[in-house]
C-alpha atoms as a PDB file:
ATOM      1  CA  MET A   1     216.362  24.775 -52.304  1.00  0.00           C
ATOM      2  CA  LEU A   2     217.744  21.941 -54.406  1.00  0.00           C
ATOM      3  CA  GLU A   3     218.275  22.661 -58.066  1.00  0.00           C
ATOM      4  CA  ASP A   4     217.511  20.283 -60.870  1.00  0.00           C
ATOM      5  CA  LYS A   5     219.331  20.424 -64.197  1.00  0.00           C
ATOM      6  CA  ILE A   6     217.902  22.941 -66.650  1.00  0.00           C
ATOM      7  CA  ILE A   7     216.558  21.118 -69.671  1.00  0.00           C
ATOM      8  CA  ILE A   8     214.801  22.889 -72.519  1.00  0.00           C
ATOM      9  CA  GLU A   9     212.278  20.782 -74.445  1.00  0.00           C
ATOM     10  CA  ARG A  10     210.466  21.392 -77.700  1.00  0.00           C
ATOM     11  CA  TYR A  11     206.971  22.814 -77.370  1.00  0.00           C
ATOM     12  CA  ASN A  12     204.465  20.249 -76.121  1.00  0.00           C
ATOM     13  CA  ASN A  13     200.848  20.579 -77.273  1.00  0.00           C
ATOM     14  CA  ASN A  14     199.734  19.197 -73.890  1.00  0.00           C
ATOM     15  CA  TRP A  15     201.050  22.211 -71.951  1.00  0.00           C
ATOM     16  CA  PRO A  16     197.860  24.279 -72.383  1.00  0.00           C
ATOM     17  CA  ASP A  17     195.774  21.302 -71.176  1.00  0.00           C
ATOM     18  CA  LYS A  18     198.011  20.856 -68.121  1.00  0.00           C
ATOM     19  CA  PHE A  19     197.520  24.540 -67.342  1.00  0.00           C
ATOM     20  CA  ALA A  20     193.742  24.274 -67.791  1.00  0.00           C
ATOM     21  CA  GLU A  21     193.549  21.295 -65.412  1.00  0.00           C
ATOM     22  CA  GLU A  22     195.508  23.095 -62.724  1.00  0.00           C
ATOM     23  CA  LYS A  23     193.571  26.323 -63.254  1.00  0.00           C
ATOM     24  CA  ALA A  24     190.284  24.481 -62.669  1.00  0.00           C
ATOM     25  CA  MET A  25     191.533  23.092 -59.367  1.00  0.00           C
ATOM     26  CA  LEU A  26     193.076  26.405 -58.250  1.00  0.00           C
ATOM     27  CA  SER A  27     189.913  28.352 -59.158  1.00  0.00           C
ATOM     28  CA  ILE A  28     188.038  26.383 -56.516  1.00  0.00           C
ATOM     29  CA  LEU A  29     190.806  26.037 -53.938  1.00  0.00           C
ATOM     30  CA  LEU A  30     191.818  29.712 -53.992  1.00  0.00           C
ATOM     31  CA  ARG A  31     188.487  31.362 -54.841  1.00  0.00           C
ATOM     32  CA  GLN A  32     188.486  33.543 -51.707  1.00  0.00           C
ATOM     33  CA  TYR A  33     191.955  34.932 -52.539  1.00  0.00           C
ATOM     34  CA  ILE A  34     191.676  35.431 -56.299  1.00  0.00           C
ATOM     35  CA  GLN A  35     191.403  38.940 -57.615  1.00  0.00           C
ATOM     36  CA  GLY A  36     191.535  39.261 -61.358  1.00  0.00           C
ATOM     37  CA  SER A  37     192.504  36.118 -63.196  1.00  0.00           C
ATOM     38  CA  ILE A  38     194.596  32.986 -63.295  1.00  0.00           C
ATOM     39  CA  GLU A  39     197.100  33.197 -66.135  1.00  0.00           C
ATOM     40  CA  HIS A  40     199.364  30.773 -67.956  1.00  0.00           C
ATOM     41  CA  VAL A  41     202.688  32.607 -68.180  1.00  0.00           C
ATOM     42  CA  GLY A  42     206.261  31.705 -68.987  1.00  0.00           C
ATOM     43  CA  SER A  43     207.479  29.933 -72.077  1.00  0.00           C
ATOM     44  CA  THR A  44     205.035  27.019 -71.880  1.00  0.00           C
ATOM     45  CA  ALA A  45     202.282  29.594 -72.504  1.00  0.00           C
ATOM     46  CA  VAL A  46     203.692  30.547 -75.914  1.00  0.00           C
ATOM     47  CA  PRO A  47     202.647  28.154 -78.704  1.00  0.00           C
ATOM     48  CA  GLY A  48     205.675  26.716 -80.501  1.00  0.00           C
ATOM     49  CA  LEU A  49     208.253  27.974 -77.997  1.00  0.00           C
ATOM     50  CA  SER A  50     210.686  25.482 -76.492  1.00  0.00           C
ATOM     51  CA  ALA A  51     210.788  25.635 -72.711  1.00  0.00           C
ATOM     52  CA  LYS A  52     211.615  23.975 -69.457  1.00  0.00           C
ATOM     53  CA  PRO A  53     208.657  21.563 -69.126  1.00  0.00           C
ATOM     54  CA  ILE A  54     207.257  23.420 -66.125  1.00  0.00           C
ATOM     55  CA  ILE A  55     203.834  25.052 -66.277  1.00  0.00           C
ATOM     56  CA  ASP A  56     204.042  28.583 -64.850  1.00  0.00           C
ATOM     57  CA  ILE A  57     200.788  29.764 -63.332  1.00  0.00           C
ATOM     58  CA  MET A  58     200.168  33.273 -62.060  1.00  0.00           C
ATOM     59  CA  VAL A  59     197.193  33.904 -59.775  1.00  0.00           C
ATOM     60  CA  GLY A  60     196.058  37.470 -59.226  1.00  0.00           C
ATOM     61  CA  ILE A  61     195.503  38.243 -55.553  1.00  0.00           C
ATOM     62  CA  GLN A  62     194.412  41.301 -53.578  1.00  0.00           C
ATOM     63  CA  SER A  63     197.634  41.472 -51.549  1.00  0.00           C
ATOM     64  CA  LEU A  64     200.385  39.233 -50.222  1.00  0.00           C
ATOM     65  CA  GLU A  65     199.070  39.680 -46.682  1.00  0.00           C
ATOM     66  CA  HIS A  66     195.497  38.790 -47.635  1.00  0.00           C
ATOM     67  CA  ALA A  67     196.673  35.612 -49.398  1.00  0.00           C
ATOM     68  CA  LYS A  68     198.953  34.314 -46.623  1.00  0.00           C
ATOM     69  CA  PRO A  69     196.388  31.685 -45.536  1.00  0.00           C
ATOM     70  CA  ALA A  70     196.529  30.279 -49.073  1.00  0.00           C
ATOM     71  CA  ILE A  71     200.043  29.003 -48.354  1.00  0.00           C
ATOM     72  CA  ALA A  72     198.695  26.330 -45.987  1.00  0.00           C
ATOM     73  CA  LYS A  73     195.879  25.398 -48.397  1.00  0.00           C
ATOM     74  CA  LEU A  74     198.307  24.946 -51.264  1.00  0.00           C
ATOM     75  CA  THR A  75     200.830  22.921 -49.262  1.00  0.00           C
ATOM     76  CA  GLN A  76     197.986  20.572 -48.280  1.00  0.00           C
ATOM     77  CA  GLN A  77     197.354  20.068 -52.026  1.00  0.00           C
ATOM     78  CA  GLY A  78     200.953  19.108 -52.807  1.00  0.00           C
ATOM     79  CA  TYR A  79     202.517  22.459 -53.560  1.00  0.00           C
ATOM     80  CA  CYS A  80     205.870  23.245 -51.932  1.00  0.00           C
ATOM     81  CA  TYR A  81     206.132  26.817 -50.664  1.00  0.00           C
ATOM     82  CA  TYR A  82     209.444  28.626 -50.913  1.00  0.00           C
ATOM     83  CA  PRO A  83     209.981  32.273 -49.884  1.00  0.00           C
ATOM     84  CA  TYR A  84     211.448  33.283 -53.244  1.00  0.00           C
ATOM     85  CA  LYS A  85     211.056  37.052 -53.759  1.00  0.00           C
ATOM     86  CA  PRO A  86     208.609  37.240 -50.830  1.00  0.00           C
ATOM     87  CA  ASP A  87     208.288  41.014 -51.179  1.00  0.00           C
ATOM     88  CA  VAL A  88     206.463  40.620 -54.522  1.00  0.00           C
ATOM     89  CA  MET A  89     204.928  37.116 -54.555  1.00  0.00           C
ATOM     90  CA  HIS A  90     204.147  33.849 -52.807  1.00  0.00           C
ATOM     91  CA  TRP A  91     206.031  31.203 -54.805  1.00  0.00           C
ATOM     92  CA  PHE A  92     205.397  27.454 -54.982  1.00  0.00           C
ATOM     93  CA  CYS A  93     206.526  24.457 -56.972  1.00  0.00           C
ATOM     94  CA  LYS A  94     204.940  21.064 -57.472  1.00  0.00           C
ATOM     95  CA  PRO A  95     205.408  18.185 -56.793  1.00  0.00           C
ATOM     96  CA  SER A  96     208.845  18.867 -55.220  1.00  0.00           C
ATOM     97  CA  PRO A  97     211.854  21.177 -55.536  1.00  0.00           C
ATOM     98  CA  GLU A  98     213.805  18.306 -57.099  1.00  0.00           C
ATOM     99  CA  ILE A  99     211.140  17.381 -59.670  1.00  0.00           C
ATOM    100  CA  ARG A 100     209.028  20.283 -60.869  1.00  0.00           C
ATOM    101  CA  THR A 101     206.017  20.133 -63.137  1.00  0.00           C
ATOM    102  CA  HIS A 102     204.399  23.403 -62.010  1.00  0.00           C
ATOM    103  CA  HIS A 103     205.439  26.770 -60.641  1.00  0.00           C
ATOM    104  CA  LEU A 104     202.729  28.809 -58.969  1.00  0.00           C
ATOM    105  CA  HIS A 105     203.045  32.537 -58.351  1.00  0.00           C
ATOM    106  CA  LEU A 106     200.494  34.378 -56.202  1.00  0.00           C
ATOM    107  CA  ILE A 107     201.026  37.992 -57.244  1.00  0.00           C
ATOM    108  CA  PRO A 108     199.039  41.128 -56.468  1.00  0.00           C
ATOM    109  CA  TYR A 109     196.744  41.699 -59.428  1.00  0.00           C
ATOM    110  CA  LEU A 110     197.898  44.466 -61.794  1.00  0.00           C
ATOM    111  CA  SER A 111     201.106  45.025 -59.805  1.00  0.00           C
ATOM    112  CA  PRO A 112     204.216  45.892 -61.871  1.00  0.00           C
ATOM    113  CA  LEU A 113     205.351  42.243 -61.765  1.00  0.00           C
ATOM    114  CA  TRP A 114     201.900  41.053 -62.906  1.00  0.00           C
ATOM    115  CA  GLN A 115     201.892  43.501 -65.801  1.00  0.00           C
ATOM    116  CA  GLU A 116     205.460  42.653 -66.870  1.00  0.00           C
ATOM    117  CA  ARG A 117     204.738  38.935 -67.051  1.00  0.00           C
ATOM    118  CA  ILE A 118     201.567  39.414 -69.099  1.00  0.00           C
ATOM    119  CA  GLN A 119     203.270  41.956 -71.360  1.00  0.00           C
ATOM    120  CA  PHE A 120     206.264  39.691 -72.023  1.00  0.00           C
ATOM    121  CA  ARG A 121     204.126  36.627 -72.702  1.00  0.00           C
ATOM    122  CA  ASP A 122     201.897  38.572 -75.083  1.00  0.00           C
ATOM    123  CA  ALA A 123     204.886  40.083 -76.916  1.00  0.00           C
ATOM    124  CA  LEU A 124     206.296  36.595 -77.565  1.00  0.00           C
ATOM    125  CA  LYS A 125     202.901  35.310 -78.725  1.00  0.00           C
ATOM    126  CA  ALA A 126     202.540  38.229 -81.137  1.00  0.00           C
ATOM    127  CA  ASP A 127     206.001  38.031 -82.731  1.00  0.00           C
ATOM    128  CA  ALA A 128     207.358  34.674 -83.942  1.00  0.00           C
ATOM    129  CA  ALA A 129     210.800  36.123 -84.721  1.00  0.00           C
ATOM    130  CA  LEU A 130     211.069  37.511 -81.218  1.00  0.00           C
ATOM    131  CA  ALA A 131     210.000  34.158 -79.760  1.00  0.00           C
ATOM    132  CA  THR A 132     212.689  32.435 -81.857  1.00  0.00           C
ATOM    133  CA  GLN A 133     215.353  34.844 -80.548  1.00  0.00           C
ATOM    134  CA  TYR A 134     214.248  34.136 -77.005  1.00  0.00           C
ATOM    135  CA  GLN A 135     214.263  30.395 -77.648  1.00  0.00           C
ATOM    136  CA  GLN A 136     217.841  30.549 -78.961  1.00  0.00           C
ATOM    137  CA  LEU A 137     218.917  32.511 -75.887  1.00  0.00           C
ATOM    138  CA  LYS A 138     217.256  29.966 -73.599  1.00  0.00           C
ATOM    139  CA  TYR A 139     219.112  27.070 -75.260  1.00  0.00           C
ATOM    140  CA  GLN A 140     222.441  28.917 -74.955  1.00  0.00           C
ATOM    141  CA  LEU A 141     221.884  29.786 -71.314  1.00  0.00           C
ATOM    142  CA  ALA A 142     220.634  26.307 -70.428  1.00  0.00           C
ATOM    143  CA  GLU A 143     223.850  24.876 -71.817  1.00  0.00           C
ATOM    144  CA  LYS A 144     226.056  27.421 -70.066  1.00  0.00           C
ATOM    145  CA  TYR A 145     224.213  27.405 -66.712  1.00  0.00           C
ATOM    146  CA  SER A 146     222.706  23.912 -66.716  1.00  0.00           C
ATOM    147  CA  GLN A 147     223.087  23.540 -62.937  1.00  0.00           C
ATOM    148  CA  ASP A 148     222.472  27.164 -61.950  1.00  0.00           C
ATOM    149  CA  ARG A 149     218.796  28.072 -62.280  1.00  0.00           C
ATOM    150  CA  GLU A 150     219.270  31.485 -60.649  1.00  0.00           C
ATOM    151  CA  GLN A 151     222.037  32.520 -63.062  1.00  0.00           C
ATOM    152  CA  TYR A 152     220.054  31.168 -66.011  1.00  0.00           C
ATOM    153  CA  THR A 153     217.138  33.383 -64.968  1.00  0.00           C
ATOM    154  CA  THR A 154     219.363  36.414 -64.310  1.00  0.00           C
ATOM    155  CA  GLU A 155     220.992  36.152 -67.729  1.00  0.00           C
ATOM    156  CA  LYS A 156     217.596  36.196 -69.479  1.00  0.00           C
ATOM    157  CA  TRP A 157     216.669  39.513 -67.839  1.00  0.00           C
ATOM    158  CA  PRO A 158     218.422  41.912 -70.307  1.00  0.00           C
ATOM    159  CA  PHE A 159     216.470  40.349 -73.190  1.00  0.00           C
ATOM    160  CA  ILE A 160     213.202  40.477 -71.241  1.00  0.00           C
ATOM    161  CA  LYS A 161     213.830  44.092 -70.235  1.00  0.00           C
ATOM    162  CA  LYS A 162     214.469  45.063 -73.856  1.00  0.00           C
ATOM    163  CA  VAL A 163     211.217  43.402 -74.967  1.00  0.00           C
ATOM    164  CA  LEU A 164     209.251  45.105 -72.179  1.00  0.00           C
ATOM    165  CA  LYS A 165     210.703  48.508 -73.055  1.00  0.00           C
ATOM    166  CA  LYS A 166     209.943  48.017 -76.755  1.00  0.00           C
ATOM    167  CA  SER A 167     206.358  46.905 -76.089  1.00  0.00           C
ATOM    168  CA  LEU A 168     205.731  49.982 -73.927  1.00  0.00           C
ATOM    169  CA  ILE A 169     206.696  52.213 -76.858  1.00  0.00           C
ATOM    170  CA  LYS A 170     204.082  50.649 -79.156  1.00  0.00           C
END
Protein backbone atom coordinates (compact mmCIF):
# COMPACT_ATOMS: atom_id res chain seq x y z
CA MET A 1 0.00 0.00 0.00
CA LEU A 2 1.32 3.44 -0.87
CA GLU A 3 2.02 5.76 2.02
CA ASP A 4 1.25 9.43 2.08
CA LYS A 5 3.20 11.88 4.23
CA ILE A 6 1.99 12.10 7.82
CA ILE A 7 0.67 15.58 8.47
CA ILE A 8 -0.89 16.59 11.77
CA GLU A 9 -3.44 19.42 11.58
CA ARG A 10 -5.09 21.49 14.26
CA TYR A 11 -8.53 20.31 15.34
CA ASN A 12 -11.20 21.02 12.73
CA ASN A 13 -14.75 21.67 13.95
CA ASN A 14 -16.06 19.99 10.78
CA TRP A 15 -14.67 16.56 11.73
CA PRO A 16 -17.74 15.54 13.77
CA ASP A 17 -20.01 16.55 10.85
CA LYS A 18 -17.91 14.52 8.40
CA PHE A 19 -18.25 11.54 10.72
CA ALA A 20 -22.02 12.04 11.04
CA GLU A 21 -22.45 12.17 7.25
CA GLU A 22 -20.51 8.96 6.75
CA LYS A 23 -22.26 7.26 9.66
CA ALA A 24 -25.65 8.00 8.08
CA MET A 25 -24.60 6.40 4.81
CA LEU A 26 -22.94 3.40 6.51
CA SER A 27 -25.97 2.82 8.77
CA ILE A 28 -28.04 2.08 5.67
CA LEU A 29 -25.39 0.36 3.57
CA LEU A 30 -24.20 -1.99 6.33
CA ARG A 31 -27.41 -2.42 8.34
CA GLN A 32 -27.43 -6.22 7.96
CA TYR A 33 -23.87 -6.48 9.34
CA ILE A 34 -23.98 -3.95 12.18
CA GLN A 35 -24.03 -5.23 15.71
CA GLY A 36 -23.75 -2.59 18.37
CA SER A 37 -22.86 0.85 17.12
CA ILE A 38 -20.92 2.97 14.68
CA GLU A 39 -18.30 4.99 16.53
CA HIS A 40 -16.09 7.96 15.73
CA VAL A 41 -12.68 6.95 17.07
CA GLY A 42 -9.13 8.16 16.69
CA SER A 43 -7.88 11.66 17.28
CA THR A 44 -10.46 13.40 15.09
CA ALA A 45 -13.07 12.19 17.61
CA VAL A 46 -11.48 14.17 20.46
CA PRO A 47 -12.54 17.84 20.52
CA GLY A 48 -9.52 20.15 20.41
CA LEU A 49 -6.98 17.44 19.58
CA SER A 50 -4.72 17.92 16.57
CA ALA A 51 -4.76 14.94 14.22
CA LYS A 52 -4.13 13.55 10.80
CA PRO A 53 -7.21 14.86 8.94
CA ILE A 54 -8.63 11.36 8.49
CA ILE A 55 -11.97 10.41 10.03
CA ASP A 56 -11.64 7.03 11.77
CA ILE A 57 -14.89 5.10 11.88
CA MET A 58 -15.39 1.86 13.76
CA VAL A 59 -18.42 -0.30 12.94
CA GLY A 60 -19.40 -3.04 15.36
CA ILE A 61 -20.05 -6.33 13.59
CA GLN A 62 -21.07 -9.82 14.70
CA SER A 63 -17.92 -11.47 13.32
CA LEU A 64 -15.33 -11.02 10.59
CA GLU A 65 -16.76 -14.00 8.72
CA HIS A 66 -20.33 -12.71 8.87
CA ALA A 67 -19.24 -9.30 7.54
CA LYS A 68 -17.13 -10.56 4.61
CA PRO A 69 -19.86 -9.69 2.07
CA ALA A 70 -19.65 -6.08 3.29
CA ILE A 71 -16.23 -5.79 1.64
CA ALA A 72 -17.80 -5.86 -1.84
CA LYS A 73 -20.56 -3.43 -0.82
CA LEU A 74 -18.05 -0.95 0.55
CA THR A 75 -15.71 -1.15 -2.44
CA GLN A 76 -18.69 -0.38 -4.68
CA GLN A 77 -19.21 2.80 -2.60
CA GLY A 78 -15.63 4.02 -3.04
CA TYR A 79 -13.88 2.42 -0.10
CA CYS A 80 -10.56 0.68 -0.76
CA TYR A 81 -10.17 -2.60 1.11
CA TYR A 82 -6.77 -3.58 2.44
CA PRO A 83 -6.10 -6.73 4.51
CA TYR A 84 -4.46 -4.82 7.36
CA LYS A 85 -4.65 -6.88 10.58
CA PRO A 86 -7.20 -9.24 8.97
CA ASP A 87 -7.32 -11.43 12.08
CA VAL A 88 -9.04 -8.63 14.06
CA MET A 89 -10.74 -6.34 11.52
CA HIS A 90 -11.74 -5.54 7.95
CA TRP A 91 -9.91 -2.30 7.13
CA PHE A 92 -10.72 0.27 4.44
CA CYS A 93 -9.66 3.73 3.38
CA LYS A 94 -11.38 6.31 1.23
CA PRO A 95 -11.08 7.66 -1.42
CA SER A 96 -7.68 6.03 -2.14
CA PRO A 97 -4.55 4.78 -0.36
CA GLU A 98 -2.68 7.84 -1.64
CA ILE A 99 -5.29 10.39 -0.52
CA ARG A 100 -7.21 9.41 2.59
CA THR A 101 -10.14 11.22 4.13
CA HIS A 102 -11.64 8.24 5.98
CA HIS A 103 -10.49 5.01 7.58
CA LEU A 104 -13.16 2.41 8.21
CA HIS A 105 -12.69 -0.48 10.62
CA LEU A 106 -15.23 -3.32 10.78
CA ILE A 107 -14.49 -4.87 14.16
CA PRO A 108 -16.35 -7.50 16.16
CA TYR A 109 -18.50 -5.63 18.65
CA LEU A 110 -17.13 -5.62 22.22
CA SER A 111 -13.98 -7.49 21.16
CA PRO A 112 -10.75 -6.47 22.97
CA LEU A 113 -9.80 -4.18 20.06
CA TRP A 114 -13.26 -2.55 20.11
CA GLN A 115 -13.04 -1.94 23.84
CA GLU A 116 -9.48 -0.57 23.67
CA ARG A 117 -10.37 1.98 21.01
CA ILE A 118 -13.44 3.22 22.90
CA GLN A 119 -11.53 3.29 26.19
CA PHE A 120 -8.63 5.28 24.72
CA ARG A 121 -10.88 7.78 22.96
CA ASP A 122 -12.92 8.32 26.12
CA ALA A 123 -9.80 8.74 28.27
CA LEU A 124 -8.53 11.50 25.96
CA LYS A 125 -11.94 13.21 25.95
CA ALA A 126 -12.07 13.15 29.75
CA ASP A 127 -8.57 14.50 30.42
CA ALA A 128 -7.33 17.60 28.57
CA ALA A 129 -3.79 17.26 29.97
CA LEU A 130 -3.59 13.70 28.74
CA ALA A 131 -4.87 14.76 25.31
CA THR A 132 -2.19 17.48 25.20
CA GLN A 133 0.53 14.93 26.02
CA TYR A 134 -0.73 12.69 23.25
CA GLN A 135 -0.88 15.61 20.83
CA GLN A 136 2.75 16.52 21.58
CA LEU A 137 3.81 12.91 21.01
CA LYS A 138 1.94 12.82 17.69
CA TYR A 139 3.72 15.97 16.46
CA GLN A 140 7.12 14.55 17.46
CA LEU A 141 6.47 11.21 15.79
CA ALA A 142 5.02 12.80 12.66
CA GLU A 143 8.21 14.79 12.27
CA LYS A 144 10.47 11.81 12.94
CA TYR A 145 8.50 9.27 10.86
CA SER A 146 6.83 11.53 8.31
CA GLN A 147 7.05 8.90 5.55
CA ASP A 148 6.57 5.80 7.70
CA ARG A 149 2.96 5.45 8.82
CA GLU A 150 3.54 1.99 10.33
CA GLN A 151 6.44 3.16 12.51
CA TYR A 152 4.51 6.28 13.52
CA THR A 153 1.66 4.04 14.70
CA THR A 154 4.00 1.58 16.43
CA GLU A 155 5.75 4.35 18.35
CA LYS A 156 2.42 5.64 19.73
CA TRP A 157 1.60 2.24 21.24
CA PRO A 158 3.55 2.56 24.55
CA PHE A 159 1.64 5.76 25.35
CA ILE A 160 -1.69 4.19 24.39
CA LYS A 161 -0.93 1.08 26.44
CA LYS A 162 -0.11 3.20 29.48
CA VAL A 163 -3.39 5.12 29.14
CA LEU A 164 -5.38 1.89 28.75
CA LYS A 165 -3.73 0.35 31.81
CA LYS A 166 -4.38 3.48 33.88
CA SER A 167 -8.03 3.68 32.82
CA LEU A 168 -8.59 0.04 33.79
CA ILE A 169 -7.41 0.82 37.33
CA LYS A 170 -10.01 3.58 37.79
